[in-house]
C-alpha cells in the first residue's frame, strides 16, 4: 500500500550492469509476479475468486519448496492458513449526495467530486439531510503536545471537514516533528477521532502533496469494497460517512460559507486554531450499504529450526490488492497489483524456497502472507492480535512490500525513520554488498504506518519494511526519483500496475540476498534485537523480556 522506486517502463540497458545473483533467480521472480498479477487472479481482492486462486498458489508454491504448514492447528495438525474474520462493506445502488448553500442545491458525483467509503459502523443505509459542515483543521487532539483542534466544539449532528497530514507538513517545523508524519497525520486516525466525537461523518480535504498520492489513488481505494476487523461496537471507530473531497470543491464550499480556505489552513497550523462552521452550507446524502461478515485467510509456511525452534524469525508480505473496481480511461476494471504487491508474493515464495534448500537454522523461520493490507493492514493486525507464534518469541519481522522490479541500486531505505537494532543489522549486511542506507526520502508520507510491519511494531516486535533504493546503478538518483514519481502518478492503485516483460528483476534479486542474509543471521543467533531506548515501541518489547530468558 505504498510507493516504490521504479518506472513502469524501463530500458533494456538497466540489466547491463546487474551482476548475477547466486540465491535468487530474476526470472523466477518475474514469473511469479506475472502469474499472480494476471487478469485471471482478478486483482486478488479478499473474499473473491481471486483470493481462492492466490491462496491456492501460495500453498502450492510453499509445498513445492518443501516447507511445513505453518498455520492454525486443526485436529492436532497445522494447516497452511489462519482464518481472518472481516466485516465486508459495499455500497449498493446509486449514491445521491448534494450540497446546499442557502441559494442553490448542487449535486455531487461519487468518485469525481467525493470518494465516499461504504459505511462500516453497522448501518445498512446512510441517509441524512442538510447536515452542517464544520472545519476542524487537522482534526488532532494531542494532550502530550498541548494541541487541541476541537476546543470543546460538539460534532454531534455535524460533518467534520479535516485536512490531511500534520500541522507541521507545510512549515517543516513545529510540535509534530516537522516533515515526518506522525500517526495524527494518517487518515485512519482522523476517521477514528471524528467517530469518537460522535460526528455524522468525516470528509478529508485531498491535496496531493500532503497525502503523497493523487486523486486517482483516493478514488480507487475508497469507492471499492471496504473491509474491517469485526468490532463489538463499530460505531465507536467509524462514523456513518467517511469520505474524501477534491480540494477545488472544498475551496469553493469554504467561499460559499463565508470563509477562505487558505487563511483557515494557515490558522490550523497553530495551537490557537478554533473550529469554524461554514455558514449556511449543508450536505445531504443517501446510499445503501451491504454489510456482511466474511472469512479471509492469511497463509503461513514454516521452516522449522533445530536447537531453538520455539523462537521465530518472520518474513511477511501482503497477497491482496484492490480486486475489480472502477474503470480507468481505457475501460480496464482489474487492479492487477503487479508491483503492489505481486513483488512481495514473489519475494516470499522465493525466500521460502531458498531457506528450504539451505540447512535448517537454529531458530524457526515463518513466512506469513497476509490478507487485506490494502484495506487498512487488516490481515497483519488480526495476526498480531491473534498470533499463531508468540510475539514475545518472535525475534523480528522483515516485511516486503512493493519492491522495484528493475535494475540494481546503490542504496536502500525503509519505511519510516525508526531507530532499532534490526535496522543496524540491515545496514551492516547491505554494506557487504556495497549498498548504503538512505533515510526514508518522504517521511511526510507516513509510510511507517502504511505497511504490515506496523501491526507488529506497535506491539513491540522489532519490525522493518524494506524499500528499494532510488540511486540507480544505471541512471543515478535522477532516474530513480523520476521512476518513483511516475509510478505514483500513473500506476499506484490503478489498473495499470501490470507486469511488464521489460522488467529485469535483477535489483530485486540482489536485495533479497541481503534480506536473506539478515534473516539467516538472526535465525542462527541467540540474541534479541530491540528498539532504541527512546522509541515509543521499546516499552512494549521490554514488558515481555522475561519470556525471552
Protein backbone atom coordinates (compact mmCIF):
# COMPACT_ATOMS: atom_id res chain seq x y z
CA UNK A 1 0.00 0.00 0.00
CA UNK A 2 2.95 2.34 -0.56
CA UNK A 3 5.12 3.63 -3.33
CA UNK A 4 8.25 2.00 -4.66
CA UNK A 5 11.09 3.41 -6.71
CA UNK A 6 10.65 2.41 -10.28
CA UNK A 7 9.13 3.20 -13.67
CA UNK A 8 6.52 1.11 -15.35
CA UNK A 9 8.72 1.03 -18.43
CA UNK A 10 12.47 0.65 -18.21
CA UNK A 11 15.13 0.42 -20.86
CA UNK A 12 16.85 -2.87 -21.51
CA UNK A 13 20.09 -1.15 -20.60
CA UNK A 14 19.11 -1.39 -16.94
CA UNK A 15 20.14 -5.02 -16.96
CA UNK A 16 23.60 -4.44 -18.30
CA UNK A 17 25.29 -3.54 -15.02
CA UNK A 18 23.47 -6.11 -12.89
CA UNK A 19 25.65 -8.89 -11.54
CA UNK A 20 24.12 -12.39 -11.48
CA UNK A 21 22.71 -13.47 -8.15
CA UNK A 22 23.59 -16.76 -6.51
CA UNK A 23 20.46 -17.37 -4.46
CA UNK A 24 17.59 -15.68 -6.27
CA UNK A 25 16.73 -16.08 -9.94
CA UNK A 26 15.28 -12.91 -11.53
CA UNK A 27 13.30 -14.99 -14.00
CA UNK A 28 11.61 -16.95 -11.24
CA UNK A 29 10.66 -13.68 -9.53
CA UNK A 30 9.29 -12.33 -12.79
CA UNK A 31 7.22 -15.44 -13.43
CA UNK A 32 5.58 -15.32 -10.00
CA UNK A 33 4.64 -11.66 -10.49
CA UNK A 34 3.34 -12.39 -13.98
CA UNK A 35 1.08 -15.15 -12.72
CA UNK A 36 -0.43 -13.54 -9.61
CA UNK A 37 -0.98 -10.17 -11.31
CA UNK A 38 -2.63 -11.66 -14.38
CA UNK A 39 -6.29 -10.92 -15.10
CA UNK A 40 -7.09 -14.50 -14.09
CA UNK A 41 -6.44 -13.52 -10.45
CA UNK A 42 -8.92 -10.61 -10.74
CA UNK A 43 -6.84 -8.20 -8.66
CA UNK A 44 -6.59 -10.54 -5.63
CA UNK A 45 -9.35 -8.97 -3.53
CA UNK A 46 -10.25 -10.64 -0.23
CA UNK A 47 -13.42 -12.75 -0.37
CA UNK A 48 -13.26 -13.28 -4.12
CA UNK A 49 -12.32 -15.89 -6.69
CA UNK A 50 -9.01 -14.03 -6.80
CA UNK A 51 -8.38 -14.83 -3.14
CA UNK A 52 -9.12 -18.53 -3.71
CA UNK A 53 -6.61 -18.65 -6.57
CA UNK A 54 -3.97 -16.68 -4.68
CA UNK A 55 -4.17 -18.79 -1.53
CA UNK A 56 -4.01 -21.98 -3.62
CA UNK A 57 -0.98 -20.63 -5.50
CA UNK A 58 0.85 -19.74 -2.31
CA UNK A 59 0.16 -23.10 -0.68
CA UNK A 60 1.26 -24.96 -3.83
CA UNK A 61 4.49 -22.97 -4.00
CA UNK A 62 5.29 -23.45 -0.32
CA UNK A 63 4.62 -27.18 -0.65
CA UNK A 64 6.83 -27.41 -3.72
CA UNK A 65 9.59 -25.62 -1.83
CA UNK A 66 9.48 -28.32 0.84
CA UNK A 67 8.23 -26.25 3.78
CA UNK A 68 5.86 -27.35 6.50
CA UNK A 69 2.38 -25.91 7.02
CA UNK A 70 2.64 -23.01 9.47
CA UNK A 71 -0.98 -22.07 10.06
CA UNK A 72 -3.60 -22.77 12.67
CA UNK A 73 -3.89 -26.10 14.44
CA UNK A 74 -6.78 -28.34 13.46
CA UNK A 75 -7.06 -31.83 14.90
CA UNK A 76 -3.58 -31.51 16.34
CA UNK A 77 -2.03 -30.70 12.97
CA UNK A 78 -1.11 -27.39 11.43
CA UNK A 79 -2.78 -26.29 8.24
CA UNK A 80 -1.49 -23.73 5.76
CA UNK A 81 -3.80 -20.87 6.72
CA UNK A 82 -5.21 -18.71 9.50
CA UNK A 83 -8.85 -17.66 9.20
CA UNK A 84 -9.28 -13.90 9.36
CA UNK A 85 -12.87 -12.81 10.07
CA UNK A 86 -13.59 -9.47 8.45
CA UNK A 87 -16.53 -7.18 8.07
CA UNK A 88 -17.22 -6.63 4.37
CA UNK A 89 -18.99 -3.41 3.38
CA UNK A 90 -20.15 -2.38 -0.08
CA UNK A 91 -22.29 0.48 -1.35
CA UNK A 92 -25.26 -0.89 -3.26
CA UNK A 93 -27.15 1.13 -5.81
CA UNK A 94 -26.76 4.84 -6.51
CA UNK A 95 -25.02 7.34 -4.27
CA UNK A 96 -27.09 10.51 -4.02
CA UNK A 97 -25.20 13.40 -2.49
CA UNK A 98 -25.69 17.15 -2.74
CA UNK A 99 -24.59 20.39 -1.14
CA UNK A 100 -26.80 23.39 -0.41
CA UNK A 101 -25.54 26.90 0.34
CA UNK A 102 -28.93 28.50 1.01
CA UNK A 103 -29.28 29.71 -2.56
CA UNK A 104 -28.98 26.56 -4.63
CA UNK A 105 -28.54 22.81 -4.37
CA UNK A 106 -25.62 21.23 -6.24
CA UNK A 107 -25.45 17.51 -6.94
CA UNK A 108 -22.05 15.90 -6.35
CA UNK A 109 -20.64 12.87 -8.14
CA UNK A 110 -19.26 9.82 -6.32
CA UNK A 111 -15.67 9.27 -7.43
CA UNK A 112 -15.27 12.62 -9.17
CA UNK A 113 -16.20 15.18 -6.50
CA UNK A 114 -16.17 12.94 -3.45
CA UNK A 115 -14.82 9.48 -2.69
CA UNK A 116 -17.29 8.04 -0.20
CA UNK A 117 -16.46 4.81 1.60
CA UNK A 118 -19.10 2.21 2.37
CA UNK A 119 -20.27 2.75 5.95
CA UNK A 120 -18.54 0.44 8.43
CA UNK A 121 -20.49 1.46 11.53
CA UNK A 122 -23.16 -1.22 11.09
CA UNK A 123 -25.74 0.92 9.27
CA UNK A 124 -27.48 -0.67 6.28
CA UNK A 125 -28.30 2.76 4.91
CA UNK A 126 -26.74 6.18 5.23
CA UNK A 127 -29.41 8.85 4.88
CA UNK A 128 -29.19 12.41 6.17
CA UNK A 129 -30.40 15.82 5.03
CA UNK A 130 -28.90 19.29 5.34
CA UNK A 131 -26.18 18.46 7.86
CA UNK A 132 -23.89 21.43 8.62
CA UNK A 133 -20.18 21.38 7.75
CA UNK A 134 -17.59 22.27 10.37
CA UNK A 135 -13.90 22.76 9.57
CA UNK A 136 -11.78 21.24 12.37
CA UNK A 137 -8.32 21.93 10.97
CA UNK A 138 -6.13 18.82 11.11
CA UNK A 139 -8.56 17.12 13.48
CA UNK A 140 -5.90 16.48 16.12
CA UNK A 141 -6.30 16.01 19.85
CA UNK A 142 -2.80 15.54 21.29
CA UNK A 143 -2.66 16.40 25.00
CA UNK A 144 1.04 15.47 25.21
CA UNK A 145 1.71 18.22 22.66
CA UNK A 146 -0.80 20.59 24.27
CA UNK A 147 -2.72 20.58 20.98
CA UNK A 148 -6.49 20.58 20.60
CA UNK A 149 -8.15 21.36 17.28
CA UNK A 150 -11.66 20.95 18.70
CA UNK A 151 -11.73 23.43 21.60
CA UNK A 152 -14.83 21.84 23.09
CA UNK A 153 -16.95 22.04 19.92
CA UNK A 154 -19.66 19.37 19.82
CA UNK A 155 -19.59 17.48 16.49
CA UNK A 156 -22.77 15.50 17.07
CA UNK A 157 -25.16 16.12 14.19
CA UNK A 158 -22.39 17.65 12.09
CA UNK A 159 -19.95 16.72 9.33
CA UNK A 160 -16.29 17.43 10.06
CA UNK A 161 -14.09 18.79 7.28
CA UNK A 162 -10.45 17.96 8.04
CA UNK A 163 -7.03 18.43 6.45
CA UNK A 164 -4.74 15.52 5.69
CA UNK A 165 -1.31 15.06 7.32
CA UNK A 166 0.07 17.04 10.32
CA UNK A 167 0.06 20.76 11.12
CA UNK A 168 3.83 20.79 10.51
CA UNK A 169 3.70 19.45 6.97
CA UNK A 170 3.94 22.75 5.12
CA UNK A 171 6.13 24.65 7.57
CA UNK A 172 8.55 21.78 8.17
CA UNK A 173 8.91 22.60 11.85
CA UNK A 174 6.74 22.57 14.93
CA UNK A 175 5.14 20.42 17.58
CA UNK A 176 4.74 17.39 15.31
CA UNK A 177 8.35 16.80 14.33
CA UNK A 178 8.49 18.70 11.07
CA UNK A 179 8.02 16.89 7.77
CA UNK A 180 7.91 13.38 9.20
CA UNK A 181 4.28 12.32 9.57
CA UNK A 182 3.06 11.25 12.98
CA UNK A 183 0.11 8.92 13.44
CA UNK A 184 -2.05 12.03 13.92
CA UNK A 185 -1.50 12.77 10.24
CA UNK A 186 -2.89 9.46 8.99
CA UNK A 187 -6.41 9.33 7.61
CA UNK A 188 -7.14 6.32 9.82
CA UNK A 189 -6.59 8.43 12.94
CA UNK A 190 -8.80 11.23 11.61
CA UNK A 191 -11.71 8.92 10.79
CA UNK A 192 -11.46 7.29 14.22
CA UNK A 193 -11.18 10.58 16.12
CA UNK A 194 -14.32 12.04 14.50
CA UNK A 195 -16.20 8.82 15.23
CA UNK A 196 -15.16 9.04 18.89
CA UNK A 197 -16.60 12.54 18.95
CA UNK A 198 -19.94 11.46 17.50
CA UNK A 199 -19.76 13.23 14.14
CA UNK A 200 -22.19 12.27 11.38
CA UNK A 201 -19.15 11.94 9.19
CA UNK A 202 -15.61 12.92 8.30
CA UNK A 203 -14.67 14.50 4.98
CA UNK A 204 -10.93 14.75 4.36
CA UNK A 205 -9.79 17.51 2.01
CA UNK A 206 -7.48 15.86 -0.50
CA UNK A 207 -4.26 17.57 -1.51
CA UNK A 208 -1.68 15.57 -3.42
CA UNK A 209 1.47 16.70 -1.62
CA UNK A 210 0.41 16.06 2.00
CA UNK A 211 -1.44 12.87 1.04
CA UNK A 212 1.57 11.69 -1.03
CA UNK A 213 -0.70 10.43 -3.83
CA UNK A 214 -3.15 11.85 -6.33
CA UNK A 215 -6.92 11.78 -6.56
CA UNK A 216 -6.92 8.63 -8.70
CA UNK A 217 -5.47 6.69 -5.75
CA UNK A 218 -8.02 8.19 -3.35
CA UNK A 219 -10.89 7.40 -5.71
CA UNK A 220 -9.83 3.83 -6.43
CA UNK A 221 -9.03 2.99 -2.82
CA UNK A 222 -12.20 4.37 -1.25
CA UNK A 223 -15.06 3.70 -3.66
CA UNK A 224 -14.33 -0.03 -3.65
CA UNK A 225 -15.48 -2.75 -1.27
CA UNK A 226 -14.35 -1.92 2.28
CA UNK A 227 -13.14 -4.35 4.94
CA UNK A 228 -12.62 -4.01 8.67
CA UNK A 229 -11.89 -6.25 11.61
CA UNK A 230 -15.02 -7.47 13.34
CA UNK A 231 -15.74 -5.00 16.15
CA UNK A 232 -18.13 -5.30 19.08
CA UNK A 233 -19.01 -1.59 18.86
CA UNK A 234 -18.14 -0.46 15.31
CA UNK A 235 -19.79 2.95 15.70
CA UNK A 236 -17.03 3.91 18.16
CA UNK A 237 -14.46 3.56 15.36
CA UNK A 238 -16.49 4.59 12.29
CA UNK A 239 -18.88 7.48 11.72
CA UNK A 240 -21.76 6.87 9.28
CA UNK A 241 -19.97 8.77 6.49
CA UNK A 242 -16.24 8.56 5.78
CA UNK A 243 -15.15 10.40 2.66
CA UNK A 244 -12.56 12.46 0.82
CA UNK A 245 -13.29 15.62 -1.16
CA UNK A 246 -11.45 17.26 -4.06
CA UNK A 247 -9.53 20.33 -2.92
CA UNK A 248 -11.06 22.62 -5.54
CA UNK A 249 -14.58 21.73 -4.43
CA UNK A 250 -13.64 22.24 -0.78
CA UNK A 251 -12.22 25.69 -1.55
CA UNK A 252 -15.50 26.59 -3.25
CA UNK A 253 -17.56 25.38 -0.30
CA UNK A 254 -15.45 27.45 2.09
CA UNK A 255 -16.05 30.51 -0.08
CA UNK A 256 -19.79 29.87 -0.21
CA UNK A 257 -19.74 29.55 3.57
CA UNK A 258 -18.08 32.93 4.02
CA UNK A 259 -14.58 31.58 4.71
CA UNK A 260 -11.21 31.50 2.97
CA UNK A 261 -9.67 28.05 2.72
CA UNK A 262 -6.03 29.15 2.66
CA UNK A 263 -6.46 31.55 5.57
CA UNK A 264 -8.10 28.88 7.72
CA UNK A 265 -5.49 26.35 6.70
CA UNK A 266 -2.74 28.65 8.00
CA UNK A 267 -4.66 29.14 11.23
CA UNK A 268 -4.97 25.35 11.57
CA UNK A 269 -1.17 25.12 11.69
CA UNK A 270 -1.21 26.88 15.05
CA UNK A 271 -2.39 25.96 18.55
CA UNK A 272 -4.79 28.90 18.53
CA UNK A 273 -6.99 27.47 15.77
CA UNK A 274 -10.67 27.12 16.58
CA UNK A 275 -13.25 25.15 14.55
CA UNK A 276 -15.24 27.12 12.00
CA UNK A 277 -18.71 26.26 10.72
CA UNK A 278 -19.30 27.01 7.03
CA UNK A 279 -22.27 29.32 7.42
CA UNK A 280 -25.37 28.15 5.59
CA UNK A 281 -23.58 25.27 3.81
CA UNK A 282 -25.05 21.82 4.37
CA UNK A 283 -24.66 18.36 2.86
CA UNK A 284 -27.24 15.68 2.16
CA UNK A 285 -26.52 12.06 1.27
CA UNK A 286 -28.32 8.79 0.73
CA UNK A 287 -26.96 5.35 -0.17
CA UNK A 288 -27.48 1.75 0.82
CA UNK A 289 -24.76 -0.46 2.30
CA UNK A 290 -24.46 -4.23 2.15
CA UNK A 291 -22.71 -5.42 5.33
CA UNK A 292 -21.55 -8.98 5.84
CA UNK A 293 -19.00 -10.92 7.86
CA UNK A 294 -16.66 -13.00 5.73
CA UNK A 295 -13.56 -15.07 6.39
CA UNK A 296 -10.42 -14.30 4.50
CA UNK A 297 -7.13 -16.11 5.02
CA UNK A 298 -3.56 -15.47 5.98
CA UNK A 299 -1.17 -18.09 4.59
CA UNK A 300 1.73 -19.41 6.70
CA UNK A 301 4.65 -21.69 5.94
CA UNK A 302 7.32 -22.86 8.37
CA UNK A 303 10.99 -23.77 8.10
CA UNK A 304 11.37 -25.44 11.47
CA UNK A 305 14.53 -24.70 13.43
CA UNK A 306 16.77 -27.10 15.28
CA UNK A 307 18.18 -26.02 18.63
CA UNK A 308 15.89 -23.00 19.29
CA UNK A 309 12.84 -23.94 17.25
CA UNK A 310 10.47 -22.20 19.69
CA UNK A 311 11.90 -18.83 18.63
CA UNK A 312 10.81 -17.31 15.33
CA UNK A 313 12.18 -15.08 12.61
CA UNK A 314 9.39 -13.87 10.31
CA UNK A 315 9.19 -12.70 6.71
CA UNK A 316 5.88 -11.09 5.76
CA UNK A 317 4.17 -9.69 2.68
CA UNK A 318 0.57 -8.99 1.77
CA UNK A 319 -1.01 -11.04 -1.01
CA UNK A 320 -4.06 -8.85 -1.65
CA UNK A 321 -4.77 -5.93 -3.92
CA UNK A 322 -7.89 -3.94 -4.82
CA UNK A 323 -9.66 -6.52 -6.96
CA UNK A 324 -12.19 -5.31 -9.55
CA UNK A 325 -13.24 -1.66 -9.32
CA UNK A 326 -14.00 1.48 -11.24
CA UNK A 327 -12.84 1.53 -14.86
CA UNK A 328 -9.88 3.64 -15.87
CA UNK A 329 -9.74 5.78 -19.04
CA UNK A 330 -9.13 2.63 -21.09
CA UNK A 331 -12.06 0.78 -19.58
CA UNK A 332 -9.88 -1.56 -17.53
CA UNK A 333 -11.51 -2.59 -14.23
CA UNK A 334 -8.97 -5.12 -12.90
CA UNK A 335 -6.46 -3.72 -10.40
CA UNK A 336 -3.73 -6.27 -11.07
CA UNK A 337 -1.27 -5.14 -8.39
CA UNK A 338 1.91 -6.37 -10.08
CA UNK A 339 4.34 -4.27 -8.09
CA UNK A 340 1.99 -3.71 -5.16
CA UNK A 341 2.29 -6.43 -4.04
CA UNK A 342 2.98 -9.13 -6.63
CA UNK A 343 6.63 -8.43 -5.94
CA UNK A 344 6.09 -9.22 -2.26
CA UNK A 345 4.39 -12.52 -3.08
CA UNK A 346 7.26 -13.46 -5.39
CA UNK A 347 9.82 -12.48 -2.76
CA UNK A 348 8.11 -14.51 -0.03
CA UNK A 349 7.83 -17.63 -2.18
CA UNK A 350 11.42 -17.49 -3.38
CA UNK A 351 12.72 -16.66 0.09
CA UNK A 352 10.96 -19.77 1.38
CA UNK A 353 12.46 -21.86 -1.41
CA UNK A 354 15.99 -20.68 -0.58
CA UNK A 355 15.55 -21.39 3.14
CA UNK A 356 14.24 -24.88 2.33
CA UNK A 357 17.34 -25.61 0.26
CA UNK A 358 19.72 -24.49 2.99
CA UNK A 359 20.50 -26.42 6.20
CA UNK A 360 17.84 -25.80 8.84
CA UNK A 361 18.71 -22.80 11.05
CA UNK A 362 18.67 -22.90 14.85
CA UNK A 363 15.55 -20.79 15.09
CA UNK A 364 12.38 -21.41 13.11
CA UNK A 365 11.56 -19.15 10.17
CA UNK A 366 7.94 -18.22 9.43
CA UNK A 367 6.68 -17.00 6.06
CA UNK A 368 3.47 -15.03 6.51
CA UNK A 369 1.35 -13.85 3.56
CA UNK A 370 -1.38 -11.62 4.93
CA UNK A 371 -4.74 -10.56 3.60
CA UNK A 372 -6.43 -7.15 3.44
CA UNK A 373 -3.39 -4.91 3.75
CA UNK A 374 -4.95 -2.57 1.22
CA UNK A 375 -8.00 -2.26 3.48
CA UNK A 376 -6.01 -0.97 6.46
CA UNK A 377 -3.47 -3.67 7.43
CA UNK A 378 -6.30 -5.98 8.46
CA UNK A 379 -4.56 -9.33 7.95
CA UNK A 380 -1.44 -8.40 9.86
CA UNK A 381 -3.48 -6.66 12.55
CA UNK A 382 -5.52 -9.82 13.06
CA UNK A 383 -2.41 -12.00 13.17
CA UNK A 384 -0.65 -9.71 15.64
CA UNK A 385 -3.74 -9.71 17.87
CA UNK A 386 -4.14 -13.50 17.48
CA UNK A 387 -0.59 -14.75 16.84
CA UNK A 388 0.00 -18.32 15.74
CA UNK A 389 3.50 -17.97 17.22
CA UNK A 390 4.09 -15.89 20.39
CA UNK A 391 5.06 -12.29 19.67
CA UNK A 392 7.36 -12.35 22.69
CA UNK A 393 9.30 -15.18 21.00
CA UNK A 394 9.27 -13.52 17.57
CA UNK A 395 12.82 -12.27 17.04
CA UNK A 396 11.95 -9.81 14.31
CA UNK A 397 9.78 -9.23 11.26
CA UNK A 398 11.15 -8.44 7.80
CA UNK A 399 8.29 -7.08 5.71
CA UNK A 400 8.37 -6.91 1.92
CA UNK A 401 6.00 -4.51 0.19
CA UNK A 402 6.29 -3.24 -3.38
CA UNK A 403 9.92 -3.78 -4.37
CA UNK A 404 11.50 -2.48 -7.55
CA UNK A 405 11.43 -4.94 -10.47
CA UNK A 406 14.20 -3.05 -12.23
CA UNK A 407 17.99 -2.99 -12.12
CA UNK A 408 20.16 -2.67 -9.00
CA UNK A 409 20.64 0.46 -6.93
CA UNK A 410 23.49 1.80 -4.84
CA UNK A 411 21.28 2.36 -1.81
CA UNK A 412 18.20 1.16 0.04
CA UNK A 413 15.77 2.64 2.51
CA UNK A 414 13.00 1.58 4.89
CA UNK A 415 9.51 2.83 5.60
CA UNK A 416 9.79 5.48 8.28
CA UNK A 417 12.69 6.68 10.41
CA UNK A 418 12.53 4.47 13.50
CA UNK A 419 15.76 3.52 15.28
CA UNK A 420 16.31 -0.08 16.27
CA UNK A 421 18.86 -2.90 16.26
CA UNK A 422 17.23 -4.64 13.31
CA UNK A 423 17.96 -1.62 11.13
CA UNK A 424 21.58 -1.61 12.29
CA UNK A 425 21.91 -5.25 11.24
CA UNK A 426 20.28 -4.49 7.90
CA UNK A 427 22.66 -1.58 7.29
CA UNK A 428 25.67 -3.75 8.12
CA UNK A 429 24.53 -6.57 5.84
CA UNK A 430 23.80 -4.18 2.96
CA UNK A 431 27.27 -2.73 3.41
CA UNK A 432 28.71 -6.11 2.47
CA UNK A 433 27.03 -5.60 -0.90
CA UNK A 434 28.29 -2.01 -1.09
CA UNK A 435 24.81 -0.60 -0.54
CA UNK A 436 24.37 2.44 1.66
CA UNK A 437 21.35 3.24 3.76
CA UNK A 438 19.34 6.34 2.83
CA UNK A 439 16.71 7.53 5.32
CA UNK A 440 13.11 7.48 4.13
CA UNK A 441 13.06 10.19 1.41
CA UNK A 442 9.42 11.03 2.16
CA UNK A 443 8.85 10.74 5.92
CA UNK A 444 5.89 13.09 5.45
CA UNK A 445 4.09 10.32 3.52
CA UNK A 446 3.73 8.26 6.69
CA UNK A 447 4.95 5.02 5.13
CA UNK A 448 5.77 3.65 8.57
CA UNK A 449 2.03 3.43 9.29
CA UNK A 450 1.10 2.13 5.85
CA UNK A 451 2.60 -1.34 5.73
CA UNK A 452 2.20 -4.56 7.67
CA UNK A 453 5.29 -4.24 9.87
CA UNK A 454 3.42 -1.54 11.83
CA UNK A 455 0.97 -4.11 13.24
CA UNK A 456 3.95 -5.84 14.88
CA UNK A 457 5.95 -2.73 15.78
CA UNK A 458 3.20 -1.18 17.86
CA UNK A 459 3.15 -4.37 19.92
CA UNK A 460 6.90 -4.18 20.49
CA UNK A 461 8.20 -6.68 17.94
CA UNK A 462 11.22 -5.29 16.05
CA UNK A 463 9.85 -4.97 12.52
CA UNK A 464 11.16 -3.36 9.36
CA UNK A 465 9.71 -2.81 5.90
CA UNK A 466 12.46 -2.80 3.28
CA UNK A 467 12.24 -0.34 0.39
CA UNK A 468 14.19 -0.35 -2.86
CA UNK A 469 16.67 2.49 -3.25
CA UNK A 470 16.46 5.45 -5.62
CA UNK A 471 20.12 5.74 -6.68
CA UNK A 472 20.08 3.51 -9.74
CA UNK A 473 23.34 2.00 -10.94
CA UNK A 474 22.11 2.88 -14.41
CA UNK A 475 20.88 6.47 -14.25
CA UNK A 476 21.58 7.57 -10.69
CA UNK A 477 19.23 9.42 -8.35
CA UNK A 478 17.65 11.39 -11.19
CA UNK A 479 16.40 8.21 -12.82
CA UNK A 480 15.28 6.71 -9.54
CA UNK A 481 13.28 9.72 -8.43
CA UNK A 482 11.70 10.11 -11.84
CA UNK A 483 10.69 6.47 -11.69
CA UNK A 484 9.11 6.82 -8.26
CA UNK A 485 7.14 9.88 -9.24
CA UNK A 486 5.94 8.30 -12.48
CA UNK A 487 4.76 5.17 -10.69
CA UNK A 488 2.91 7.13 -8.03
CA UNK A 489 1.19 9.32 -10.61
CA UNK A 490 0.40 6.76 -13.29
CA UNK A 491 0.15 3.31 -11.74
CA UNK A 492 -0.11 3.19 -7.94
CA UNK A 493 -3.51 1.69 -7.01
CA UNK A 494 -4.57 1.84 -10.63
CA UNK A 495 -5.37 -0.90 -13.19
CA UNK A 496 -2.12 -0.08 -14.99
CA UNK A 497 0.02 -1.65 -12.23
CA UNK A 498 0.67 -4.62 -14.53
CA UNK A 499 3.58 -6.97 -15.16
CA UNK A 500 5.99 -5.98 -17.92
CA UNK A 501 8.32 -8.25 -19.85
CA UNK A 502 10.81 -5.38 -19.82
CA UNK A 503 11.36 -5.65 -16.07
CA UNK A 504 14.68 -7.42 -15.38
CA UNK A 505 14.15 -8.05 -11.61
CA UNK A 506 17.92 -8.05 -11.12
CA UNK A 507 17.86 -5.38 -8.44
CA UNK A 508 15.18 -7.22 -6.52
CA UNK A 509 17.14 -10.47 -6.70
CA UNK A 510 20.15 -8.73 -5.18
CA UNK A 511 18.04 -7.05 -2.48
CA UNK A 512 16.54 -10.40 -1.48
CA UNK A 513 20.04 -11.77 -0.92
CA UNK A 514 20.52 -9.03 1.65
CA UNK A 515 17.21 -9.78 3.34
CA UNK A 516 18.02 -13.47 3.35
CA UNK A 517 21.36 -12.72 4.97
CA UNK A 518 19.82 -10.64 7.75
CA UNK A 519 17.14 -13.24 8.47
CA UNK A 520 19.59 -16.14 8.41
CA UNK A 521 21.90 -14.34 10.82
CA UNK A 522 19.00 -13.81 13.21
CA UNK A 523 17.85 -17.39 12.80
CA UNK A 524 21.28 -18.76 13.70
CA UNK A 525 21.88 -16.41 16.63
CA UNK A 526 20.71 -16.34 20.23
CA UNK A 527 20.48 -12.56 20.56
CA UNK A 528 17.29 -10.48 20.59
CA UNK A 529 17.25 -7.16 18.72
CA UNK A 530 15.31 -4.31 20.34
CA UNK A 531 14.14 -0.78 19.68
CA UNK A 532 16.21 2.25 20.66
CA UNK A 533 15.89 3.39 24.26
CA UNK A 534 13.76 6.41 23.26
CA UNK A 535 11.44 4.51 20.92
CA UNK A 536 7.70 4.51 21.58
CA UNK A 537 7.79 0.74 20.98
CA UNK A 538 10.57 -0.07 23.47
CA UNK A 539 8.26 -0.32 26.47
CA UNK A 540 6.00 -2.93 24.87
CA UNK A 541 9.01 -5.07 23.97
CA UNK A 542 10.64 -4.77 27.37
CA UNK A 543 7.39 -5.78 29.05
CA UNK A 544 7.78 -9.29 27.62
CA UNK A 545 11.53 -9.60 28.33
CA UNK A 546 11.05 -12.33 30.94
CA UNK A 547 9.67 -14.65 28.24
CA UNK A 548 12.94 -14.48 26.33
CA UNK A 549 15.31 -15.67 29.05
